[in-house]
Amino acid sequence: MDRLFYFLTDLSSFGAYFAVFTVLLSCGISLPLPEDIPLVASGYLIWNKTFSPFPTFLITMSSILIGDFILFYLGKKLGFRYLFQARDKPLFKVKSVRRVRAYFRKYGDKIVFFARFVVGFRTVVFFMAGAMKMKPSRFLFYDSMAALISVPIWLLIGYLLGSNFGNEIDTLLYHLKNLKHVVSLVIVMALLFAATRLYYMLRGKVDKKKILAASD
């Protein structure tokens, strides 16, 4: 993680843009790379004026969405027959596949939105979304909505860390390690709270309509 951050911050503007795009694209196709580090590094590079805000946002968003869609497309084309390629080393754990299928049955396509905030979980969800023949437009909609929340937050964190700790990269990385899990947890909790409130509000309106209809 530290080496990746140092590598990005030592590159030229063009080289860093290209590296961020490549790394985030690789994260989308499930390579074991941390998505939050290049995003935070991009925010830091906005602070030190190596990056410009709007191009950085476009590059990070596009690379993430393209990577996610590649994984979705692989699931759509390969299907369930590739989920367990070998008994000793399956593509995904049987337990994970069953859990994701249960989530899709319970929550529907909206699970794609929440999966973006859970590292590791989103890989199997995005692949399964394709394997279960989810519409590409639906997948891109929910994934884009989630990315529009997560990407600006991580970029802002990188910018704020840069503005508070300047060139003290070691101190910045120390605080990043402590922050990244907390931030992810806070985002997920806030989204669950909002979803729960919305569910009960809509349910209350439906129940009220039923009562009024019954009284008529």
C-alpha atoms as a PDB file:
ATOM      1  CA  MET A   1       0.000   0.000   0.000  1.00  0.00           C
ATOM      2  CA  ASP A   2       2.759   2.459   0.981  1.00  0.00           C
ATOM      3  CA  ARG A   3       4.769   1.674  -2.163  1.00  0.00           C
ATOM      4  CA  LEU A   4       1.752   2.316  -4.391  1.00  0.00           C
ATOM      5  CA  PHE A   5       1.149   5.702  -2.775  1.00  0.00           C
ATOM      6  CA  TYR A   6       4.816   6.711  -3.080  1.00  0.00           C
ATOM      7  CA  PHE A   7       4.871   5.519  -6.706  1.00  0.00           C
ATOM      8  CA  LEU A   8       1.856   7.621  -7.675  1.00  0.00           C
ATOM      9  CA  THR A   9       3.032  10.758  -5.907  1.00  0.00           C
ATOM     10  CA  ASP A  10       6.492  10.558  -7.554  1.00  0.00           C
ATOM     11  CA  LEU A  11       5.177  10.402 -11.136  1.00  0.00           C
ATOM     12  CA  SER A  12       4.647  13.280 -13.542  1.00  0.00           C
ATOM     13  CA  SER A  13       1.119  14.538 -14.098  1.00  0.00           C
ATOM     14  CA  PHE A  14       0.485  12.463 -17.241  1.00  0.00           C
ATOM     15  CA  GLY A  15       2.194   9.386 -15.823  1.00  0.00           C
ATOM     16  CA  ALA A  16       0.200   9.612 -12.589  1.00  0.00           C
ATOM     17  CA  TYR A  17      -3.090  10.014 -14.499  1.00  0.00           C
ATOM     18  CA  PHE A  18      -2.301   6.925 -16.558  1.00  0.00           C
ATOM     19  CA  ALA A  19      -1.187   4.943 -13.495  1.00  0.00           C
ATOM     20  CA  VAL A  20      -4.338   5.837 -11.539  1.00  0.00           C
ATOM     21  CA  PHE A  21      -6.524   4.827 -14.474  1.00  0.00           C
ATOM     22  CA  THR A  22      -4.682   1.502 -14.867  1.00  0.00           C
ATOM     23  CA  VAL A  23      -4.685   0.658 -11.168  1.00  0.00           C
ATOM     24  CA  LEU A  24      -8.379   1.462 -10.695  1.00  0.00           C
ATOM     25  CA  LEU A  25      -9.277  -0.470 -13.835  1.00  0.00           C
ATOM     26  CA  SER A  26      -7.337  -3.444 -12.466  1.00  0.00           C
ATOM     27  CA  CYS A  27      -9.191  -3.150  -9.159  1.00  0.00           C
ATOM     28  CA  GLY A  28     -12.454  -3.387 -11.070  1.00  0.00           C
ATOM     29  CA  ILE A  29     -11.513  -6.721 -12.636  1.00  0.00           C
ATOM     30  CA  SER A  30     -10.766  -8.141  -9.182  1.00  0.00           C
ATOM     31  CA  LEU A  31      -6.983  -7.939  -9.066  1.00  0.00           C
ATOM     32  CA  PRO A  32      -5.817  -7.746  -5.424  1.00  0.00           C
ATOM     33  CA  LEU A  33      -5.123  -4.014  -5.412  1.00  0.00           C
ATOM     34  CA  PRO A  34      -6.479  -1.403  -2.971  1.00  0.00           C
ATOM     35  CA  GLU A  35      -8.939   0.936  -4.700  1.00  0.00           C
ATOM     36  CA  ASP A  36      -8.899   3.502  -1.914  1.00  0.00           C
ATOM     37  CA  ILE A  37      -5.149   4.213  -2.123  1.00  0.00           C
ATOM     38  CA  PRO A  38      -5.061   5.535  -5.724  1.00  0.00           C
ATOM     39  CA  LEU A  39      -8.193   7.572  -4.996  1.00  0.00           C
ATOM     40  CA  VAL A  40      -6.689   9.128  -1.875  1.00  0.00           C
ATOM     41  CA  ALA A  41      -3.404   9.663  -3.720  1.00  0.00           C
ATOM     42  CA  SER A  42      -5.355  11.427  -6.483  1.00  0.00           C
ATOM     43  CA  GLY A  43      -6.937  13.715  -3.894  1.00  0.00           C
ATOM     44  CA  TYR A  44      -3.478  14.423  -2.497  1.00  0.00           C
ATOM     45  CA  LEU A  45      -2.211  15.220  -6.010  1.00  0.00           C
ATOM     46  CA  ILE A  46      -5.109  17.643  -6.462  1.00  0.00           C
ATOM     47  CA  TRP A  47      -3.952  19.383  -3.300  1.00  0.00           C
ATOM     48  CA  ASN A  48      -0.335  19.726  -4.495  1.00  0.00           C
ATOM     49  CA  LYS A  49      -1.625  20.882  -7.921  1.00  0.00           C
ATOM     50  CA  THR A  50      -0.201  17.951  -9.885  1.00  0.00           C
ATOM     51  CA  PHE A  51      -3.784  16.998 -10.799  1.00  0.00           C
ATOM     52  CA  SER A  52      -6.746  19.145 -11.772  1.00  0.00           C
ATOM     53  CA  PRO A  53     -10.037  18.364  -9.976  1.00  0.00           C
ATOM     54  CA  PHE A  54     -12.394  17.809 -12.910  1.00  0.00           C
ATOM     55  CA  PRO A  55     -10.090  15.615 -15.072  1.00  0.00           C
ATOM     56  CA  THR A  56      -9.205  13.604 -11.971  1.00  0.00           C
ATOM     57  CA  PHE A  57     -12.860  12.985 -11.212  1.00  0.00           C
ATOM     58  CA  LEU A  58     -13.549  11.903 -14.803  1.00  0.00           C
ATOM     59  CA  ILE A  59     -10.534   9.590 -14.940  1.00  0.00           C
ATOM     60  CA  THR A  60     -11.222   7.923 -11.597  1.00  0.00           C
ATOM     61  CA  MET A  61     -14.944   7.506 -12.269  1.00  0.00           C
ATOM     62  CA  SER A  62     -14.464   6.133 -15.784  1.00  0.00           C
ATOM     63  CA  SER A  63     -11.736   3.682 -14.785  1.00  0.00           C
ATOM     64  CA  ILE A  64     -13.805   2.332 -11.887  1.00  0.00           C
ATOM     65  CA  LEU A  65     -16.982   1.957 -13.942  1.00  0.00           C
ATOM     66  CA  ILE A  66     -15.161   0.356 -16.887  1.00  0.00           C
ATOM     67  CA  GLY A  67     -13.438  -2.132 -14.577  1.00  0.00           C
ATOM     68  CA  ASP A  68     -16.700  -2.977 -12.834  1.00  0.00           C
ATOM     69  CA  PHE A  69     -18.492  -3.445 -16.157  1.00  0.00           C
ATOM     70  CA  ILE A  70     -15.750  -5.758 -17.439  1.00  0.00           C
ATOM     71  CA  LEU A  71     -16.304  -7.982 -14.402  1.00  0.00           C
ATOM     72  CA  PHE A  72     -20.070  -7.820 -14.965  1.00  0.00           C
ATOM     73  CA  TYR A  73     -19.622  -8.673 -18.653  1.00  0.00           C
ATOM     74  CA  LEU A  74     -17.426 -11.667 -17.798  1.00  0.00           C
ATOM     75  CA  GLY A  75     -20.143 -12.932 -15.491  1.00  0.00           C
ATOM     76  CA  LYS A  76     -22.728 -12.446 -18.228  1.00  0.00           C
ATOM     77  CA  LYS A  77     -20.684 -14.318 -20.824  1.00  0.00           C
ATOM     78  CA  LEU A  78     -19.135 -17.046 -18.681  1.00  0.00           C
ATOM     79  CA  GLY A  79     -22.140 -17.678 -16.448  1.00  0.00           C
ATOM     80  CA  PHE A  80     -22.364 -20.036 -13.508  1.00  0.00           C
ATOM     81  CA  ARG A  81     -20.364 -22.817 -15.134  1.00  0.00           C
ATOM     82  CA  TYR A  82     -17.139 -20.869 -14.501  1.00  0.00           C
ATOM     83  CA  LEU A  83     -17.846 -20.089 -10.862  1.00  0.00           C
ATOM     84  CA  PHE A  84     -16.283 -23.366  -9.747  1.00  0.00           C
ATOM     85  CA  GLN A  85     -13.489 -24.084 -12.170  1.00  0.00           C
ATOM     86  CA  ALA A  86     -11.690 -26.461  -9.845  1.00  0.00           C
ATOM     87  CA  ARG A  87     -12.559 -28.169  -6.604  1.00  0.00           C
ATOM     88  CA  ASP A  88      -9.404 -27.035  -4.836  1.00  0.00           C
ATOM     89  CA  LYS A  89      -9.386 -23.446  -6.203  1.00  0.00           C
ATOM     90  CA  PRO A  90     -12.888 -22.285  -7.186  1.00  0.00           C
ATOM     91  CA  LEU A  91     -13.370 -18.878  -8.747  1.00  0.00           C
ATOM     92  CA  PHE A  92     -15.483 -17.876  -5.731  1.00  0.00           C
ATOM     93  CA  LYS A  93     -16.232 -19.677  -2.499  1.00  0.00           C
ATOM     94  CA  VAL A  94     -19.461 -21.680  -2.512  1.00  0.00           C
ATOM     95  CA  LYS A  95     -20.552 -19.904   0.666  1.00  0.00           C
ATOM     96  CA  SER A  96     -20.034 -16.488  -0.936  1.00  0.00           C
ATOM     97  CA  VAL A  97     -21.982 -17.418  -4.070  1.00  0.00           C
ATOM     98  CA  ARG A  98     -24.921 -18.741  -2.063  1.00  0.00           C
ATOM     99  CA  ARG A  99     -24.942 -15.666   0.157  1.00  0.00           C
ATOM    100  CA  VAL A 100     -24.909 -13.312  -2.843  1.00  0.00           C
ATOM    101  CA  ARG A 101     -27.728 -15.216  -4.556  1.00  0.00           C
ATOM    102  CA  ALA A 102     -29.757 -14.927  -1.351  1.00  0.00           C
ATOM    103  CA  TYR A 103     -29.073 -11.172  -1.246  1.00  0.00           C
ATOM    104  CA  PHE A 104     -30.224 -10.795  -4.852  1.00  0.00           C
ATOM    105  CA  ARG A 105     -33.456 -12.671  -4.072  1.00  0.00           C
ATOM    106  CA  LYS A 106     -34.080 -10.542  -0.979  1.00  0.00           C
ATOM    107  CA  TYR A 107     -32.965  -7.079  -2.114  1.00  0.00           C
ATOM    108  CA  GLY A 108     -32.973  -7.366  -5.913  1.00  0.00           C
ATOM    109  CA  ASP A 109     -30.656  -5.347  -8.139  1.00  0.00           C
ATOM    110  CA  LYS A 110     -30.103  -2.738  -5.392  1.00  0.00           C
ATOM    111  CA  ILE A 111     -27.475  -5.023  -3.824  1.00  0.00           C
ATOM    112  CA  VAL A 112     -25.095  -3.796  -6.565  1.00  0.00           C
ATOM    113  CA  PHE A 113     -25.301  -0.299  -5.077  1.00  0.00           C
ATOM    114  CA  PHE A 114     -24.357  -1.420  -1.555  1.00  0.00           C
ATOM    115  CA  ALA A 115     -21.707  -3.895  -2.754  1.00  0.00           C
ATOM    116  CA  ARG A 116     -19.548  -1.057  -4.095  1.00  0.00           C
ATOM    117  CA  PHE A 117     -18.793  -0.003  -0.486  1.00  0.00           C
ATOM    118  CA  VAL A 118     -17.705  -3.471   0.686  1.00  0.00           C
ATOM    119  CA  VAL A 119     -14.201  -4.509  -0.386  1.00  0.00           C
ATOM    120  CA  GLY A 120     -14.054  -8.121  -1.581  1.00  0.00           C
ATOM    121  CA  PHE A 121     -17.824  -8.517  -1.535  1.00  0.00           C
ATOM    122  CA  ARG A 122     -18.364  -6.352  -4.610  1.00  0.00           C
ATOM    123  CA  THR A 123     -16.261  -8.653  -6.817  1.00  0.00           C
ATOM    124  CA  VAL A 124     -18.553 -11.647  -6.439  1.00  0.00           C
ATOM    125  CA  VAL A 125     -21.671  -9.427  -6.553  1.00  0.00           C
ATOM    126  CA  PHE A 126     -20.680  -7.783  -9.846  1.00  0.00           C
ATOM    127  CA  PHE A 127     -19.767 -11.112 -11.448  1.00  0.00           C
ATOM    128  CA  MET A 128     -22.970 -12.706 -10.165  1.00  0.00           C
ATOM    129  CA  ALA A 129     -25.013  -9.763 -11.449  1.00  0.00           C
ATOM    130  CA  GLY A 130     -23.819 -10.642 -14.939  1.00  0.00           C
ATOM    131  CA  ALA A 131     -24.254 -14.382 -14.439  1.00  0.00           C
ATOM    132  CA  MET A 132     -27.825 -13.826 -13.243  1.00  0.00           C
ATOM    133  CA  LYS A 133     -28.567 -11.868 -16.471  1.00  0.00           C
ATOM    134  CA  MET A 134     -29.108  -8.494 -14.832  1.00  0.00           C
ATOM    135  CA  LYS A 135     -29.712  -5.765 -17.416  1.00  0.00           C
ATOM    136  CA  PRO A 136     -26.487  -3.856 -18.198  1.00  0.00           C
ATOM    137  CA  SER A 137     -28.320  -0.531 -17.909  1.00  0.00           C
ATOM    138  CA  ARG A 138     -29.532  -1.446 -14.399  1.00  0.00           C
ATOM    139  CA  PHE A 139     -26.055  -2.522 -13.353  1.00  0.00           C
ATOM    140  CA  LEU A 140     -24.453   0.678 -14.631  1.00  0.00           C
ATOM    141  CA  PHE A 141     -27.138   2.790 -12.970  1.00  0.00           C
ATOM    142  CA  TYR A 142     -26.658   1.341  -9.471  1.00  0.00           C
ATOM    143  CA  ASP A 143     -22.882   1.127  -9.801  1.00  0.00           C
ATOM    144  CA  SER A 144     -22.669   4.730 -11.033  1.00  0.00           C
ATOM    145  CA  MET A 145     -24.869   6.013  -8.203  1.00  0.00           C
ATOM    146  CA  ALA A 146     -22.616   4.304  -5.663  1.00  0.00           C
ATOM    147  CA  ALA A 147     -19.416   5.518  -7.325  1.00  0.00           C
ATOM    148  CA  LEU A 148     -20.744   9.085  -7.341  1.00  0.00           C
ATOM    149  CA  ILE A 149     -20.740   8.826  -3.545  1.00  0.00           C
ATOM    150  CA  SER A 150     -17.543   6.868  -2.864  1.00  0.00           C
ATOM    151  CA  VAL A 151     -15.180   8.497  -5.378  1.00  0.00           C
ATOM    152  CA  PRO A 152     -15.664  12.157  -4.263  1.00  0.00           C
ATOM    153  CA  ILE A 153     -15.394  11.100  -0.604  1.00  0.00           C
ATOM    154  CA  TRP A 154     -12.020   9.381  -1.090  1.00  0.00           C
ATOM    155  CA  LEU A 155     -10.734  12.240  -3.255  1.00  0.00           C
ATOM    156  CA  LEU A 156     -11.787  14.722  -0.570  1.00  0.00           C
ATOM    157  CA  ILE A 157     -10.053  12.668   2.115  1.00  0.00           C
ATOM    158  CA  GLY A 158      -6.834  12.726   0.085  1.00  0.00           C
ATOM    159  CA  TYR A 159      -7.128  16.475  -0.403  1.00  0.00           C
ATOM    160  CA  LEU A 160      -7.769  17.108   3.299  1.00  0.00           C
ATOM    161  CA  LEU A 161      -4.900  14.850   4.356  1.00  0.00           C
ATOM    162  CA  GLY A 162      -2.631  16.758   2.007  1.00  0.00           C
ATOM    163  CA  SER A 163      -3.794  20.144   3.283  1.00  0.00           C
ATOM    164  CA  ASN A 164      -3.312  19.088   6.916  1.00  0.00           C
ATOM    165  CA  PHE A 165      -0.086  17.097   6.671  1.00  0.00           C
ATOM    166  CA  GLY A 166       1.569  18.648   3.626  1.00  0.00           C
ATOM    167  CA  ASN A 167       4.563  16.659   2.477  1.00  0.00           C
ATOM    168  CA  GLU A 168       4.643  14.418   5.531  1.00  0.00           C
ATOM    169  CA  ILE A 169       3.743  11.317   3.531  1.00  0.00           C
ATOM    170  CA  ASP A 170       4.531   8.885   6.371  1.00  0.00           C
ATOM    171  CA  THR A 171       2.165  10.702   8.721  1.00  0.00           C
ATOM    172  CA  LEU A 172      -0.444  10.898   5.973  1.00  0.00           C
ATOM    173  CA  LEU A 173      -0.243   7.145   5.334  1.00  0.00           C
ATOM    174  CA  TYR A 174      -0.489   6.412   9.052  1.00  0.00           C
ATOM    175  CA  HIS A 175      -3.729   8.380   9.312  1.00  0.00           C
ATOM    176  CA  LEU A 176      -5.002   6.841   6.068  1.00  0.00           C
ATOM    177  CA  LYS A 177      -4.634   3.329   7.502  1.00  0.00           C
ATOM    178  CA  ASN A 178      -6.736   4.345  10.491  1.00  0.00           C
ATOM    179  CA  LEU A 179      -9.286   6.217   8.391  1.00  0.00           C
ATOM    180  CA  LYS A 180     -10.106   3.933   5.486  1.00  0.00           C
ATOM    181  CA  HIS A 181     -11.975   1.241   7.412  1.00  0.00           C
ATOM    182  CA  VAL A 182     -13.807   3.827   9.505  1.00  0.00           C
ATOM    183  CA  VAL A 183     -14.885   5.782   6.426  1.00  0.00           C
ATOM    184  CA  SER A 184     -16.169   2.664   4.664  1.00  0.00           C
ATOM    185  CA  LEU A 185     -18.117   1.654   7.767  1.00  0.00           C
ATOM    186  CA  VAL A 186     -19.632   5.122   8.165  1.00  0.00           C
ATOM    187  CA  ILE A 187     -20.715   5.209   4.504  1.00  0.00           C
ATOM    188  CA  VAL A 188     -22.360   1.793   4.715  1.00  0.00           C
ATOM    189  CA  MET A 189     -24.114   2.622   7.998  1.00  0.00           C
ATOM    190  CA  ALA A 190     -25.399   5.935   6.634  1.00  0.00           C
ATOM    191  CA  LEU A 191     -26.713   4.281   3.483  1.00  0.00           C
ATOM    192  CA  LEU A 192     -28.409   1.502   5.451  1.00  0.00           C
ATOM    193  CA  PHE A 193     -30.013   4.077   7.728  1.00  0.00           C
ATOM    194  CA  ALA A 194     -31.265   6.096   4.754  1.00  0.00           C
ATOM    195  CA  ALA A 195     -32.557   2.966   3.006  1.00  0.00           C
ATOM    196  CA  THR A 196     -34.371   1.844   6.160  1.00  0.00           C
ATOM    197  CA  ARG A 197     -36.003   5.255   6.623  1.00  0.00           C
ATOM    198  CA  LEU A 198     -37.086   5.306   2.975  1.00  0.00           C
ATOM    199  CA  TYR A 199     -38.481   1.777   3.217  1.00  0.00           C
ATOM    200  CA  TYR A 200     -40.651   2.565   6.244  1.00  0.00           C
ATOM    201  CA  MET A 201     -41.802   5.860   4.727  1.00  0.00           C
ATOM    202  CA  LEU A 202     -42.932   4.129   1.554  1.00  0.00           C
ATOM    203  CA  ARG A 203     -44.458   1.288   3.525  1.00  0.00           C
ATOM    204  CA  GLY A 204     -46.395   3.781   5.653  1.00  0.00           C
ATOM    205  CA  LYS A 205     -47.791   5.476   2.548  1.00  0.00           C
ATOM    206  CA  VAL A 206     -48.866   2.128   1.092  1.00  0.00           C
ATOM    207  CA  ASP A 207     -50.569   1.103   4.352  1.00  0.00           C
ATOM    208  CA  LYS A 208     -52.346   4.475   4.512  1.00  0.00           C
ATOM    209  CA  LYS A 209     -53.658   4.037   0.980  1.00  0.00           C
ATOM    210  CA  LYS A 210     -54.924   0.549   1.841  1.00  0.00           C
ATOM    211  CA  ILE A 211     -56.761   1.899   4.906  1.00  0.00           C
ATOM    212  CA  LEU A 212     -58.359   4.708   2.880  1.00  0.00           C
ATOM    213  CA  ALA A 213     -59.358   2.275   0.140  1.00  0.00           C
ATOM    214  CA  ALA A 214     -60.887  -0.099   2.680  1.00  0.00           C
ATOM    215  CA  SER A 215     -62.862   2.714   4.288  1.00  0.00           C
ATOM    216  CA  ASP A 216     -64.334   3.695   0.928  1.00  0.00           C
END
